[in-house]
């Protein structure tokens, strides 16, 4: 999100009317106050983007996932996204933000910003992330940045729950989210987006969360799906979605919210945000076409579920690339993602034999990997150019190999750490509901409620 995206400073006088500019230039104290003020346009865009990304989880992801499970698990699935939005918010405020964006070292931040210490005191001023030559200056208050990043910390564990639908204990999910957010999500965010992070320093590109969000969530979902085992009755019972209309509405909200996810990651309202928004739309649309036509050819009918899955696949893949590529490469990325996601949700899952209920790994993991690697091929240098690096970062074999390294490191770390966290939870309290509870449905067995 931050590599080569620091918005260029704007002169205070240039943003003011002529009489006021004259007054400020005549009064050094007033001029200093104006220079220290956040850019109102950038701040407004980031506030809007933050609301859009929160909408992706509640109600977007909540409806998307709930529409694809059976009727007896709809409320439990909605509860997962809704409750995690609250839980992850508090975790982020208490320690998650500090571990991700505190100064720290190469692998994790420090605890200097626990409970957002130091952030509230500077609520009215723009801030700088990091220190020294690698520091990134923003034109928005840190409070806005904290909130924007919080929405990413919310949606990532919520995405992983799609792999475990219909069978995980709610209590186990709560405990897992606490430890995973602090021990996995925050460190990976620090690696990639903090100037001190080792992946940031390596030069690997991730504009809006290909590694931090999608590979992270997808791999966690895969590990959890394997450890939990297959759903009772899979292959015999009717597992058809309860209400695809819910899922379509959810997917539509995800698509619209993704503009905040990607274009907001520019950190400012400018040309790069505009390009990120454009390529996001192109890739999402291409993902729909690729998945639908692949399914039409192979299975004989184009499905609604395939169309919405293709949209998510294309949007996932463009996420790491959004601030680095032009529209035609975005089209290619979206088409590849649609085909990759279709393969991941069908052939790969069948060959490997795991039960990824709602294809969290098949779509987010597989397409996140595809998008991260393709960023290394298609990156257009001028989009990431800065005064210090006027050529920006262009696609090349060397850049592709950096992307491979970042993807492999994220995959390995997340898989191992997730396994350890889930294993400990399983030993202490158990991960999975009983067979009787699963057959009754999680709405009743875990929450004592029925959809109707």
Protein backbone atom coordinates (compact mmCIF):
# COMPACT_ATOMS: atom_id res chain seq x y z
CA UNK A 1 0.00 0.00 0.00
CA UNK A 2 2.79 2.41 0.72
CA UNK A 3 5.64 1.56 -1.59
CA UNK A 4 6.26 4.53 -3.88
CA UNK A 5 2.82 6.00 -3.21
CA UNK A 6 3.61 8.90 -0.90
CA UNK A 7 1.56 11.85 -2.14
CA UNK A 8 3.66 14.79 -3.20
CA UNK A 9 3.49 17.76 -0.90
CA UNK A 10 1.35 20.62 -2.05
CA UNK A 11 2.21 24.25 -1.36
CA UNK A 12 -0.21 25.80 1.11
CA UNK A 13 -0.52 29.06 -0.80
CA UNK A 14 -1.42 27.30 -4.04
CA UNK A 15 -4.55 25.87 -2.43
CA UNK A 16 -5.82 29.21 -1.15
CA UNK A 17 -7.59 32.20 -2.63
CA UNK A 18 -5.29 35.12 -3.52
CA UNK A 19 -6.29 37.45 -0.62
CA UNK A 20 -5.92 34.72 2.00
CA UNK A 21 -2.65 33.53 0.48
CA UNK A 22 -1.32 37.07 0.72
CA UNK A 23 -2.35 37.27 4.35
CA UNK A 24 -0.64 33.99 5.20
CA UNK A 25 2.55 34.93 3.43
CA UNK A 26 2.57 38.16 5.40
CA UNK A 27 2.10 36.29 8.71
CA UNK A 28 4.67 33.51 9.17
CA UNK A 29 2.73 32.00 12.09
CA UNK A 30 -0.41 31.62 9.99
CA UNK A 31 1.60 30.24 7.10
CA UNK A 32 3.13 27.61 9.37
CA UNK A 33 -0.31 26.58 10.64
CA UNK A 34 -1.60 26.22 7.07
CA UNK A 35 1.38 24.10 6.03
CA UNK A 36 0.71 21.80 9.00
CA UNK A 37 -2.95 21.32 8.08
CA UNK A 38 -4.08 18.14 6.32
CA UNK A 39 -5.08 18.35 2.69
CA UNK A 40 -8.87 18.48 2.80
CA UNK A 41 -9.37 16.80 -0.57
CA UNK A 42 -7.10 13.89 0.28
CA UNK A 43 -8.68 13.56 3.71
CA UNK A 44 -12.21 13.57 2.28
CA UNK A 45 -11.31 10.86 -0.22
CA UNK A 46 -9.68 8.70 2.44
CA UNK A 47 -12.68 9.06 4.76
CA UNK A 48 -14.91 7.99 1.87
CA UNK A 49 -12.62 5.07 1.02
CA UNK A 50 -12.63 3.94 4.63
CA UNK A 51 -16.42 3.78 4.68
CA UNK A 52 -16.40 1.86 1.38
CA UNK A 53 -13.96 -0.74 2.68
CA UNK A 54 -15.93 -1.23 5.91
CA UNK A 55 -19.00 -1.78 3.73
CA UNK A 56 -17.15 -4.66 2.07
CA UNK A 57 -17.33 -6.67 5.29
CA UNK A 58 -20.62 -5.43 6.70
CA UNK A 59 -22.87 -5.96 4.88
CA UNK A 60 -20.96 -7.04 1.72
CA UNK A 61 -19.01 -10.13 2.76
CA UNK A 62 -21.63 -11.04 5.36
CA UNK A 63 -24.33 -11.31 2.68
CA UNK A 64 -22.00 -12.85 0.10
CA UNK A 65 -21.06 -15.73 2.39
CA UNK A 66 -24.49 -16.09 4.02
CA UNK A 67 -26.17 -16.47 0.65
CA UNK A 68 -23.96 -19.45 -0.21
CA UNK A 69 -24.55 -21.58 2.89
CA UNK A 70 -27.59 -23.65 3.80
CA UNK A 71 -30.58 -22.05 5.50
CA UNK A 72 -29.71 -23.53 8.91
CA UNK A 73 -26.37 -21.68 8.92
CA UNK A 74 -27.29 -18.28 7.47
CA UNK A 75 -27.51 -16.39 10.78
CA UNK A 76 -24.30 -17.97 12.09
CA UNK A 77 -22.49 -16.93 8.92
CA UNK A 78 -23.80 -13.37 9.13
CA UNK A 79 -22.75 -13.31 12.78
CA UNK A 80 -19.18 -14.26 11.92
CA UNK A 81 -18.59 -11.22 9.71
CA UNK A 82 -20.57 -8.85 11.91
CA UNK A 83 -18.92 -9.89 15.16
CA UNK A 84 -15.42 -9.97 13.67
CA UNK A 85 -15.92 -6.39 12.49
CA UNK A 86 -16.32 -5.42 16.15
CA UNK A 87 -13.65 -7.73 17.55
CA UNK A 88 -10.97 -6.83 14.99
CA UNK A 89 -11.67 -3.11 15.53
CA UNK A 90 -10.85 -3.36 19.22
CA UNK A 91 -7.82 -5.57 18.61
CA UNK A 92 -6.53 -3.03 16.10
CA UNK A 93 -7.02 -0.11 18.48
CA UNK A 94 -5.41 -1.89 21.44
CA UNK A 95 -2.30 -3.38 19.83
CA UNK A 96 -2.77 -4.42 16.19
CA UNK A 97 -2.03 -1.00 14.71
CA UNK A 98 1.08 -0.62 16.85
CA UNK A 99 2.44 -4.03 15.82
CA UNK A 100 1.74 -3.28 12.15
CA UNK A 101 2.73 0.38 11.91
CA UNK A 102 4.82 1.05 14.98
CA UNK A 103 8.48 1.76 14.23
CA UNK A 104 9.77 -1.65 15.33
CA UNK A 105 12.22 -3.47 13.09
CA UNK A 106 12.15 -5.52 9.90
CA UNK A 107 9.63 -8.11 11.07
CA UNK A 108 7.15 -6.47 13.42
CA UNK A 109 6.33 -3.07 14.85
CA UNK A 110 6.68 -2.12 18.48
CA UNK A 111 4.18 -1.37 21.24
CA UNK A 112 4.72 2.39 21.24
CA UNK A 113 1.26 3.00 19.74
CA UNK A 114 -0.74 0.67 21.98
CA UNK A 115 -4.21 2.08 22.56
CA UNK A 116 -3.24 4.53 19.79
CA UNK A 117 -0.81 6.35 22.04
CA UNK A 118 0.47 9.48 20.32
CA UNK A 119 -2.13 9.33 17.55
CA UNK A 120 -4.89 11.22 19.32
CA UNK A 121 -2.51 13.96 20.45
CA UNK A 122 -1.70 14.79 16.81
CA UNK A 123 -5.22 14.42 15.48
CA UNK A 124 -5.22 17.65 13.47
CA UNK A 125 -1.92 17.30 11.59
CA UNK A 126 -0.68 15.24 8.66
CA UNK A 127 1.76 12.54 9.66
CA UNK A 128 4.85 10.67 8.49
CA UNK A 129 5.12 6.90 8.62
CA UNK A 130 8.58 5.64 9.55
CA UNK A 131 11.74 7.67 9.89
CA UNK A 132 14.94 8.38 8.00
CA UNK A 133 15.35 8.13 4.24
CA UNK A 134 12.55 5.58 3.80
CA UNK A 135 9.91 7.61 5.65
CA UNK A 136 6.59 8.13 3.84
CA UNK A 137 4.86 11.50 4.27
CA UNK A 138 1.07 11.67 4.14
CA UNK A 139 -1.22 14.66 3.72
CA UNK A 140 -3.94 13.14 5.92
CA UNK A 141 -4.20 12.85 9.72
CA UNK A 142 -2.98 9.62 11.26
CA UNK A 143 -6.45 9.03 12.72
CA UNK A 144 -7.79 8.60 9.18
CA UNK A 145 -4.93 6.25 8.28
CA UNK A 146 -5.59 4.19 11.44
CA UNK A 147 -9.25 3.83 10.52
CA UNK A 148 -8.55 3.02 6.88
CA UNK A 149 -6.09 0.31 7.87
CA UNK A 150 -8.52 -0.97 10.49
CA UNK A 151 -10.99 -1.91 7.75
CA UNK A 152 -8.32 -4.11 6.17
CA UNK A 153 -7.62 -5.77 9.52
CA UNK A 154 -11.37 -6.43 9.79
CA UNK A 155 -11.97 -8.03 6.41
CA UNK A 156 -8.91 -10.30 6.34
CA UNK A 157 -9.90 -12.78 9.09
CA UNK A 158 -13.52 -12.49 7.94
CA UNK A 159 -12.50 -13.69 4.47
CA UNK A 160 -10.84 -16.78 5.95
CA UNK A 161 -14.10 -17.87 7.58
CA UNK A 162 -15.48 -18.80 4.17
CA UNK A 163 -13.26 -21.88 4.13
CA UNK A 164 -14.69 -23.13 7.44
CA UNK A 165 -18.38 -22.39 6.89
CA UNK A 166 -20.92 -24.73 8.51
CA UNK A 167 -18.60 -26.36 11.05
CA UNK A 168 -16.36 -24.14 13.20
CA UNK A 169 -17.18 -23.31 16.83
CA UNK A 170 -17.94 -19.65 17.34
CA UNK A 171 -15.87 -19.62 20.52
CA UNK A 172 -12.88 -21.08 18.67
CA UNK A 173 -13.27 -18.50 15.92
CA UNK A 174 -13.23 -15.66 18.46
CA UNK A 175 -10.04 -16.90 20.13
CA UNK A 176 -8.40 -17.61 16.77
CA UNK A 177 -9.15 -14.10 15.48
CA UNK A 178 -7.54 -12.48 18.54
CA UNK A 179 -4.27 -14.37 18.25
CA UNK A 180 -4.14 -14.51 14.45
CA UNK A 181 -4.72 -10.78 14.08
CA UNK A 182 -1.85 -9.97 16.43
CA UNK A 183 0.61 -12.73 15.51
CA UNK A 184 0.00 -13.11 11.77
CA UNK A 185 -1.90 -10.22 10.20
CA UNK A 186 -0.09 -7.35 11.92
CA UNK A 187 3.44 -8.70 11.29
CA UNK A 188 2.72 -9.33 7.59
CA UNK A 189 1.24 -5.83 7.25
CA UNK A 190 4.43 -4.48 8.82
CA UNK A 191 6.63 -6.48 6.42
CA UNK A 192 4.87 -5.14 3.36
CA UNK A 193 3.61 -1.63 4.15
CA UNK A 194 5.87 -0.13 6.81
CA UNK A 195 9.09 1.50 5.57
CA UNK A 196 11.04 -0.65 8.03
CA UNK A 197 9.44 -3.88 6.82
CA UNK A 198 11.73 -6.35 5.12
CA UNK A 199 9.44 -6.92 2.12
CA UNK A 200 9.05 -3.15 1.71
CA UNK A 201 12.85 -2.84 1.75
CA UNK A 202 13.20 -5.78 -0.62
CA UNK A 203 11.23 -3.87 -3.24
CA UNK A 204 8.34 -6.32 -3.72
CA UNK A 205 5.08 -4.60 -4.73
CA UNK A 206 1.69 -4.87 -3.05
CA UNK A 207 -0.45 -1.81 -3.61
CA UNK A 208 -3.57 -2.73 -1.67
CA UNK A 209 -3.23 -6.17 -0.11
CA UNK A 210 -2.49 -9.06 -2.48
CA UNK A 211 -0.17 -10.59 0.11
CA UNK A 212 -1.36 -8.88 3.29
CA UNK A 213 -5.07 -9.55 2.77
CA UNK A 214 -5.81 -12.13 0.10
CA UNK A 215 -2.91 -14.59 0.27
CA UNK A 216 -2.90 -14.21 4.05
CA UNK A 217 -6.63 -14.94 4.36
CA UNK A 218 -6.64 -17.61 1.66
CA UNK A 219 -3.80 -19.60 3.19
CA UNK A 220 -5.28 -19.30 6.68
CA UNK A 221 -8.56 -20.56 5.26
CA UNK A 222 -6.86 -23.50 3.55
CA UNK A 223 -5.02 -24.57 6.70
CA UNK A 224 -8.19 -24.30 8.74
CA UNK A 225 -10.23 -26.25 6.19
CA UNK A 226 -7.71 -29.12 6.25
CA UNK A 227 -7.54 -29.16 10.06
CA UNK A 228 -11.31 -29.01 10.54
CA UNK A 229 -12.01 -31.69 7.97
CA UNK A 230 -14.88 -31.96 5.51
CA UNK A 231 -18.44 -30.93 6.24
CA UNK A 232 -20.70 -33.73 7.43
CA UNK A 233 -22.64 -35.07 4.48
CA UNK A 234 -20.44 -33.52 1.80
CA UNK A 235 -20.95 -35.47 -1.41
CA UNK A 236 -24.23 -36.95 -0.14
CA UNK A 237 -26.40 -34.21 1.37
CA UNK A 238 -27.78 -31.25 -0.54
CA UNK A 239 -25.27 -28.41 -0.05
CA UNK A 240 -26.97 -25.97 -2.42
CA UNK A 241 -26.84 -22.29 -1.43
CA UNK A 242 -29.89 -21.08 0.50
CA UNK A 243 -30.30 -17.74 -1.25
CA UNK A 244 -28.11 -16.70 -4.17
CA UNK A 245 -29.87 -13.32 -4.23
CA UNK A 246 -28.14 -12.55 -0.89
CA UNK A 247 -24.84 -13.57 -2.45
CA UNK A 248 -25.37 -11.36 -5.52
CA UNK A 249 -26.18 -8.36 -3.34
CA UNK A 250 -23.11 -9.10 -1.24
CA UNK A 251 -20.89 -9.42 -4.29
CA UNK A 252 -22.22 -6.13 -5.66
CA UNK A 253 -21.39 -4.39 -2.39
CA UNK A 254 -17.93 -5.95 -2.45
CA UNK A 255 -17.36 -4.68 -6.01
CA UNK A 256 -18.37 -1.12 -5.17
CA UNK A 257 -16.46 -1.19 -1.90
CA UNK A 258 -13.35 -2.37 -3.73
CA UNK A 259 -12.91 1.12 -5.16
CA UNK A 260 -12.17 2.29 -1.65
CA UNK A 261 -9.94 -0.74 -1.11
CA UNK A 262 -7.79 -0.08 -4.17
CA UNK A 263 -8.15 3.58 -5.09
CA UNK A 264 -8.03 4.53 -1.42
CA UNK A 265 -4.67 2.83 -1.15
CA UNK A 266 -3.16 5.68 -3.14
CA UNK A 267 -3.37 7.63 0.12
CA UNK A 268 -4.50 10.77 -1.74
CA UNK A 269 -7.07 12.00 -4.24
CA UNK A 270 -5.03 12.21 -7.42
CA UNK A 271 -4.16 10.63 -10.74
CA UNK A 272 -2.91 7.43 -9.22
CA UNK A 273 -6.15 6.91 -7.32
CA UNK A 274 -8.03 7.49 -10.57
CA UNK A 275 -5.95 4.89 -12.41
CA UNK A 276 -6.39 2.43 -9.53
CA UNK A 277 -10.15 2.85 -9.73
CA UNK A 278 -10.20 2.40 -13.50
CA UNK A 279 -8.10 -0.77 -13.53
CA UNK A 280 -10.15 -2.19 -10.66
CA UNK A 281 -13.31 -1.94 -12.73
CA UNK A 282 -11.65 -3.39 -15.81
CA UNK A 283 -10.18 -6.37 -13.96
CA UNK A 284 -13.39 -7.12 -12.10
CA UNK A 285 -15.37 -7.09 -15.33
CA UNK A 286 -12.80 -9.28 -17.09
CA UNK A 287 -12.96 -11.76 -14.21
CA UNK A 288 -16.71 -12.10 -14.67
CA UNK A 289 -16.38 -12.78 -18.39
CA UNK A 290 -13.54 -15.28 -18.03
CA UNK A 291 -15.25 -17.35 -15.30
CA UNK A 292 -18.68 -17.31 -16.94
CA UNK A 293 -17.44 -18.33 -20.38
CA UNK A 294 -15.17 -21.02 -18.93
CA UNK A 295 -18.08 -22.46 -16.96
CA UNK A 296 -20.41 -22.13 -19.96
CA UNK A 297 -18.02 -24.09 -22.15
CA UNK A 298 -17.16 -26.78 -19.60
CA UNK A 299 -20.49 -27.23 -17.80
CA UNK A 300 -22.93 -26.11 -20.48
CA UNK A 301 -24.59 -23.30 -18.51
CA UNK A 302 -23.40 -19.92 -17.22
CA UNK A 303 -24.30 -19.69 -13.54
CA UNK A 304 -25.06 -16.69 -11.35
CA UNK A 305 -22.69 -18.09 -8.72
CA UNK A 306 -19.97 -18.25 -11.37
CA UNK A 307 -20.54 -14.63 -12.39
CA UNK A 308 -20.21 -13.25 -8.87
CA UNK A 309 -17.25 -15.52 -8.13
CA UNK A 310 -15.53 -14.29 -11.28
CA UNK A 311 -16.00 -10.68 -10.22
CA UNK A 312 -14.35 -11.36 -6.88
CA UNK A 313 -11.53 -13.26 -8.60
CA UNK A 314 -10.73 -10.35 -10.89
CA UNK A 315 -10.93 -7.84 -8.05
CA UNK A 316 -8.65 -9.93 -5.86
CA UNK A 317 -5.99 -10.24 -8.55
CA UNK A 318 -5.89 -6.54 -9.38
CA UNK A 319 -5.53 -5.58 -5.71
CA UNK A 320 -1.71 -5.82 -5.50
CA UNK A 321 -1.37 -4.31 -8.97
CA UNK A 322 -3.94 -1.50 -8.85
CA UNK A 323 -1.50 1.39 -8.43
CA UNK A 324 1.14 -0.06 -10.71
CA UNK A 325 -0.55 -1.12 -13.98
CA UNK A 326 -2.41 0.40 -16.92
CA UNK A 327 -5.84 -0.66 -18.24
CA UNK A 328 -4.77 -3.25 -20.83
CA UNK A 329 -2.61 -5.22 -18.39
CA UNK A 330 -5.52 -4.97 -15.93
CA UNK A 331 -7.73 -6.63 -18.55
CA UNK A 332 -5.19 -9.45 -18.90
CA UNK A 333 -4.90 -9.81 -15.12
CA UNK A 334 -8.68 -10.01 -14.79
CA UNK A 335 -9.01 -12.66 -17.50
CA UNK A 336 -6.25 -14.77 -15.98
CA UNK A 337 -7.82 -14.37 -12.55
CA UNK A 338 -11.24 -15.51 -13.75
CA UNK A 339 -9.73 -18.68 -15.18
CA UNK A 340 -7.45 -19.20 -12.17
CA UNK A 341 -10.29 -18.77 -9.71
CA UNK A 342 -12.51 -21.18 -11.64
CA UNK A 343 -9.67 -23.73 -11.57
CA UNK A 344 -9.00 -23.12 -7.89
CA UNK A 345 -12.66 -23.56 -6.93
CA UNK A 346 -13.18 -26.69 -8.99
CA UNK A 347 -10.23 -28.77 -10.21
CA UNK A 348 -7.65 -27.84 -7.55
CA UNK A 349 -10.05 -28.44 -4.67
CA UNK A 350 -11.14 -31.75 -6.16
CA UNK A 351 -7.58 -32.95 -6.80
CA UNK A 352 -6.35 -32.06 -3.32
CA UNK A 353 -9.44 -33.28 -1.51
CA UNK A 354 -9.92 -30.46 1.00
CA UNK A 355 -13.28 -28.87 1.77
CA UNK A 356 -12.89 -25.13 1.24
CA UNK A 357 -16.60 -24.46 1.78
CA UNK A 358 -16.94 -21.08 0.05
CA UNK A 359 -13.61 -21.12 -1.84
CA UNK A 360 -11.69 -18.71 0.33
CA UNK A 361 -8.42 -20.23 -0.84
CA UNK A 362 -9.66 -21.13 -4.31
CA UNK A 363 -10.47 -17.49 -5.06
CA UNK A 364 -8.58 -15.27 -2.61
CA UNK A 365 -5.49 -17.43 -2.22
CA UNK A 366 -5.09 -18.52 -5.84
CA UNK A 367 -6.02 -15.17 -7.41
CA UNK A 368 -4.04 -13.23 -4.82
CA UNK A 369 -0.95 -15.21 -5.83
CA UNK A 370 -1.69 -14.70 -9.53
CA UNK A 371 -2.16 -10.97 -9.09
CA UNK A 372 0.99 -10.54 -7.00
CA UNK A 373 3.12 -12.35 -9.58
CA UNK A 374 1.58 -10.55 -12.55
CA UNK A 375 2.30 -7.22 -10.88
CA UNK A 376 5.99 -8.00 -11.30
CA UNK A 377 5.45 -8.42 -15.04
CA UNK A 378 3.09 -5.57 -15.86
CA UNK A 379 4.14 -2.75 -13.51
CA UNK A 380 4.36 0.57 -15.38
CA UNK A 381 7.21 2.68 -14.02
CA UNK A 382 5.77 6.21 -14.27
CA UNK A 383 2.84 5.31 -12.00
CA UNK A 384 5.22 4.80 -9.08
CA UNK A 385 7.73 7.51 -9.99
CA UNK A 386 8.89 9.88 -7.26
CA UNK A 387 11.47 12.67 -7.23
CA UNK A 388 13.89 10.24 -5.59
CA UNK A 389 13.11 7.48 -8.13
CA UNK A 390 11.99 9.24 -11.33
CA UNK A 391 11.74 5.99 -13.32
CA UNK A 392 9.50 4.29 -10.80
CA UNK A 393 9.29 0.50 -10.64
CA UNK A 394 8.73 -1.28 -13.95
CA UNK A 395 7.92 -4.90 -14.63
CA UNK A 396 10.93 -7.13 -15.27
CA UNK A 397 12.23 -10.61 -14.56
CA UNK A 398 14.04 -9.29 -11.51
CA UNK A 399 10.84 -7.68 -10.19
CA UNK A 400 8.91 -10.88 -10.90
CA UNK A 401 11.38 -12.85 -8.79
CA UNK A 402 10.96 -10.37 -5.93
CA UNK A 403 7.22 -10.99 -6.14
CA UNK A 404 7.80 -14.74 -6.04
CA UNK A 405 9.93 -14.34 -2.93
CA UNK A 406 7.33 -12.19 -1.16
CA UNK A 407 4.50 -14.58 -2.06
CA UNK A 408 6.44 -17.65 -0.92
CA UNK A 409 7.45 -16.02 2.37
CA UNK A 410 3.89 -14.91 3.12
CA UNK A 411 2.47 -18.32 2.21
CA UNK A 412 4.97 -20.21 4.39
CA UNK A 413 4.73 -17.91 7.41
CA UNK A 414 0.93 -17.76 7.37
CA UNK A 415 0.56 -21.52 6.92
CA UNK A 416 2.91 -22.40 9.77
CA UNK A 417 1.65 -19.74 12.18
CA UNK A 418 -2.00 -20.49 11.44
CA UNK A 419 -1.44 -24.21 11.98
CA UNK A 420 0.18 -23.59 15.36
CA UNK A 421 -2.58 -21.24 16.54
CA UNK A 422 -5.36 -23.60 15.42
CA UNK A 423 -3.61 -26.63 16.90
CA UNK A 424 -3.31 -25.01 20.31
CA UNK A 425 -6.95 -23.92 20.22
CA UNK A 426 -8.01 -27.42 19.18
CA UNK A 427 -6.11 -28.97 22.09
CA UNK A 428 -7.51 -26.49 24.62
CA UNK A 429 -11.13 -26.04 23.56
CA UNK A 430 -11.74 -27.81 20.26
CA UNK A 431 -12.28 -26.28 16.83
CA UNK A 432 -15.31 -28.03 15.45
CA UNK A 433 -18.90 -28.40 16.55
CA UNK A 434 -20.20 -31.90 17.18
CA UNK A 435 -21.82 -33.87 14.37
CA UNK A 436 -25.19 -33.45 16.05
CA UNK A 437 -24.75 -29.67 16.27
CA UNK A 438 -23.62 -29.52 12.66
CA UNK A 439 -26.65 -31.47 11.45
CA UNK A 440 -28.99 -29.31 13.51
CA UNK A 441 -27.40 -26.17 12.09
CA UNK A 442 -25.18 -23.55 13.66
CA UNK A 443 -27.98 -20.98 13.93
CA UNK A 444 -29.73 -23.03 16.59
CA UNK A 445 -26.84 -24.98 18.12
CA UNK A 446 -24.51 -21.97 18.57
CA UNK A 447 -26.82 -18.96 18.75
CA UNK A 448 -30.25 -20.33 19.70
CA UNK A 449 -32.00 -18.60 16.80
CA UNK A 450 -33.65 -19.51 13.50
CA UNK A 451 -33.84 -17.56 10.26
CA UNK A 452 -37.55 -18.26 10.01
